[in-house]
Amino acid sequence: MARKKRTFMDKIAKGTGPRGEKCPKCGEILQAVKIVRPYKTDKGSWRYLEEMVRVCKCNQKELLVDKPIS
């Protein structure tokens, strides 16, 4: 069968929508954020703990609060 021809506007509309997964609670798009937390070792030097988390409006305050590293 012949393929359906797409117009230029159809091509633009395909690429302009929001990308990523939606949050099950609030429905916002989840954004990947890298959190870097410094901590002091037993020897007295500073190290960094890096983690990638997915953040939306409903869990932003919980994840971005400075938490102690266990």
N, C-alpha and C. Protein backbone atom coordinates (compact mmCIF):
# COMPACT_ATOMS: atom_id res chain seq x y z
N MET A 1 0.83 -1.18 0.00
CA MET A 1 0.00 0.00 0.00
C MET A 1 0.87 1.25 0.00
N ALA A 2 0.33 2.30 -0.52
CA ALA A 2 1.06 3.56 -0.57
C ALA A 2 1.09 4.21 0.81
N ARG A 3 2.22 4.84 1.11
CA ARG A 3 2.35 5.53 2.39
C ARG A 3 1.60 6.85 2.35
N LYS A 4 1.10 7.24 3.50
CA LYS A 4 0.38 8.51 3.59
C LYS A 4 1.40 9.65 3.55
N LYS A 5 1.16 10.63 2.72
CA LYS A 5 2.05 11.78 2.62
C LYS A 5 1.80 12.70 3.80
N ARG A 6 2.88 13.12 4.43
CA ARG A 6 2.76 14.06 5.53
C ARG A 6 3.10 15.45 5.05
N THR A 7 2.33 16.41 5.49
CA THR A 7 2.62 17.80 5.13
C THR A 7 3.70 18.32 6.06
N PHE A 8 4.21 19.49 5.73
CA PHE A 8 5.24 20.11 6.56
C PHE A 8 4.70 20.41 7.96
N MET A 9 3.46 20.83 8.05
CA MET A 9 2.85 21.14 9.35
C MET A 9 2.71 19.87 10.21
N ASP A 10 2.44 18.74 9.59
CA ASP A 10 2.36 17.48 10.33
C ASP A 10 3.73 17.11 10.92
N LYS A 11 4.79 17.35 10.16
CA LYS A 11 6.14 17.04 10.64
C LYS A 11 6.52 17.94 11.81
N ILE A 12 6.16 19.21 11.72
CA ILE A 12 6.47 20.14 12.81
C ILE A 12 5.67 19.78 14.06
N ALA A 13 4.40 19.46 13.90
CA ALA A 13 3.55 19.14 15.05
C ALA A 13 4.03 17.90 15.78
N LYS A 14 4.64 16.98 15.06
CA LYS A 14 5.12 15.74 15.68
C LYS A 14 6.26 16.02 16.66
N GLY A 15 7.14 16.95 16.32
CA GLY A 15 8.32 17.20 17.13
C GLY A 15 8.18 18.29 18.17
N THR A 16 7.05 18.96 18.27
CA THR A 16 6.94 20.08 19.20
C THR A 16 6.28 19.74 20.52
N GLY A 17 5.76 18.56 20.69
CA GLY A 17 5.06 18.20 21.92
C GLY A 17 6.03 17.96 23.06
N PRO A 18 5.52 17.92 24.30
CA PRO A 18 6.39 17.65 25.44
C PRO A 18 6.91 16.22 25.39
N ARG A 19 8.16 16.05 25.81
CA ARG A 19 8.79 14.73 25.77
C ARG A 19 9.01 14.22 27.18
N GLY A 20 9.02 12.92 27.33
CA GLY A 20 9.31 12.31 28.62
C GLY A 20 8.09 11.65 29.22
N GLU A 21 8.32 11.05 30.38
CA GLU A 21 7.26 10.34 31.08
C GLU A 21 6.44 11.33 31.91
N LYS A 22 5.19 10.98 32.15
CA LYS A 22 4.34 11.81 32.99
C LYS A 22 4.29 11.22 34.39
N CYS A 23 4.20 12.09 35.38
CA CYS A 23 4.09 11.68 36.77
C CYS A 23 2.71 11.06 37.01
N PRO A 24 2.65 9.92 37.69
CA PRO A 24 1.34 9.30 37.94
C PRO A 24 0.47 10.10 38.91
N LYS A 25 1.07 10.91 39.78
CA LYS A 25 0.30 11.69 40.75
C LYS A 25 -0.27 12.97 40.15
N CYS A 26 0.62 13.82 39.60
CA CYS A 26 0.17 15.15 39.17
C CYS A 26 0.03 15.29 37.66
N GLY A 27 0.61 14.39 36.89
CA GLY A 27 0.48 14.45 35.44
C GLY A 27 1.49 15.34 34.75
N GLU A 28 2.43 15.94 35.49
CA GLU A 28 3.47 16.78 34.90
C GLU A 28 4.55 15.90 34.27
N ILE A 29 5.31 16.48 33.36
CA ILE A 29 6.43 15.77 32.73
C ILE A 29 7.58 15.67 33.73
N LEU A 30 8.15 14.48 33.88
CA LEU A 30 9.28 14.27 34.77
C LEU A 30 10.56 14.76 34.09
N GLN A 31 11.38 15.50 34.85
CA GLN A 31 12.65 15.99 34.34
C GLN A 31 13.78 15.31 35.09
N ALA A 32 14.82 14.92 34.37
CA ALA A 32 15.98 14.29 35.00
C ALA A 32 16.89 15.39 35.54
N VAL A 33 17.23 15.28 36.83
CA VAL A 33 18.07 16.27 37.50
C VAL A 33 19.20 15.54 38.20
N LYS A 34 20.41 16.09 38.11
CA LYS A 34 21.56 15.51 38.79
C LYS A 34 21.77 16.27 40.10
N ILE A 35 21.71 15.54 41.22
CA ILE A 35 21.91 16.14 42.54
C ILE A 35 23.30 15.74 43.02
N VAL A 36 24.10 16.73 43.41
CA VAL A 36 25.45 16.50 43.92
C VAL A 36 25.46 16.95 45.37
N ARG A 37 25.74 16.02 46.29
CA ARG A 37 25.77 16.33 47.71
C ARG A 37 27.19 16.10 48.25
N PRO A 38 27.78 17.12 48.87
CA PRO A 38 29.11 16.93 49.47
C PRO A 38 28.99 16.31 50.86
N TYR A 39 29.99 15.53 51.23
CA TYR A 39 30.04 14.98 52.58
C TYR A 39 31.50 14.81 52.99
N LYS A 40 31.73 14.84 54.29
CA LYS A 40 33.08 14.74 54.82
C LYS A 40 33.37 13.30 55.21
N THR A 41 34.51 12.77 54.80
CA THR A 41 34.89 11.40 55.12
C THR A 41 35.48 11.32 56.53
N ASP A 42 35.79 10.11 56.97
CA ASP A 42 36.38 9.91 58.29
C ASP A 42 37.77 10.54 58.38
N LYS A 43 38.47 10.60 57.26
CA LYS A 43 39.82 11.18 57.23
C LYS A 43 39.80 12.70 57.16
N GLY A 44 38.63 13.28 56.96
CA GLY A 44 38.53 14.74 56.94
C GLY A 44 38.48 15.36 55.56
N SER A 45 38.55 14.56 54.53
CA SER A 45 38.48 15.11 53.17
C SER A 45 37.03 15.13 52.70
N TRP A 46 36.77 15.93 51.69
CA TRP A 46 35.42 16.07 51.16
C TRP A 46 35.24 15.17 49.95
N ARG A 47 34.12 14.49 49.90
CA ARG A 47 33.74 13.66 48.76
C ARG A 47 32.37 14.13 48.28
N TYR A 48 31.98 13.66 47.11
CA TYR A 48 30.70 14.07 46.54
C TYR A 48 29.89 12.84 46.15
N LEU A 49 28.62 12.87 46.49
CA LEU A 49 27.69 11.82 46.11
C LEU A 49 26.81 12.37 45.00
N GLU A 50 26.88 11.76 43.83
CA GLU A 50 26.10 12.22 42.68
C GLU A 50 24.99 11.22 42.41
N GLU A 51 23.78 11.73 42.20
CA GLU A 51 22.67 10.85 41.86
C GLU A 51 21.76 11.55 40.86
N MET A 52 21.21 10.76 39.96
CA MET A 52 20.25 11.25 38.98
C MET A 52 18.86 10.90 39.47
N VAL A 53 17.99 11.89 39.55
CA VAL A 53 16.61 11.66 40.00
C VAL A 53 15.66 12.29 39.00
N ARG A 54 14.44 11.79 38.99
CA ARG A 54 13.40 12.34 38.12
C ARG A 54 12.49 13.18 38.99
N VAL A 55 12.35 14.46 38.63
CA VAL A 55 11.66 15.43 39.46
C VAL A 55 10.45 15.99 38.72
N CYS A 56 9.35 16.16 39.46
CA CYS A 56 8.19 16.90 38.95
C CYS A 56 7.74 17.84 40.06
N LYS A 57 6.64 18.52 39.87
CA LYS A 57 6.21 19.52 40.86
C LYS A 57 5.79 18.90 42.19
N CYS A 58 5.24 17.69 42.17
CA CYS A 58 4.74 17.10 43.41
C CYS A 58 5.85 16.55 44.31
N ASN A 59 7.00 16.14 43.76
CA ASN A 59 8.07 15.60 44.61
C ASN A 59 9.31 16.48 44.62
N GLN A 60 9.23 17.69 44.11
CA GLN A 60 10.38 18.58 44.01
C GLN A 60 10.91 18.96 45.39
N LYS A 61 10.04 19.33 46.31
CA LYS A 61 10.49 19.76 47.64
C LYS A 61 11.10 18.61 48.43
N GLU A 62 10.59 17.42 48.27
CA GLU A 62 11.12 16.26 49.00
C GLU A 62 12.53 15.91 48.54
N LEU A 63 12.78 15.97 47.24
CA LEU A 63 14.06 15.52 46.70
C LEU A 63 15.16 16.58 46.79
N LEU A 64 14.79 17.85 46.71
CA LEU A 64 15.80 18.90 46.66
C LEU A 64 16.15 19.47 48.03
N VAL A 65 15.57 18.94 49.10
CA VAL A 65 15.92 19.37 50.45
C VAL A 65 17.26 18.73 50.81
N ASP A 66 18.10 19.47 51.50
CA ASP A 66 19.42 18.96 51.89
C ASP A 66 19.25 17.88 52.95
N LYS A 67 19.51 16.63 52.57
CA LYS A 67 19.37 15.49 53.48
C LYS A 67 20.76 15.02 53.91
N PRO A 68 20.90 14.54 55.14
CA PRO A 68 22.18 13.97 55.55
C PRO A 68 22.45 12.66 54.81
N ILE A 69 23.71 12.41 54.54
CA ILE A 69 24.11 11.20 53.81
C ILE A 69 24.41 10.12 54.83
N SER A 70 23.79 8.98 54.67
CA SER A 70 24.00 7.89 55.62
C SER A 70 25.06 6.94 55.13
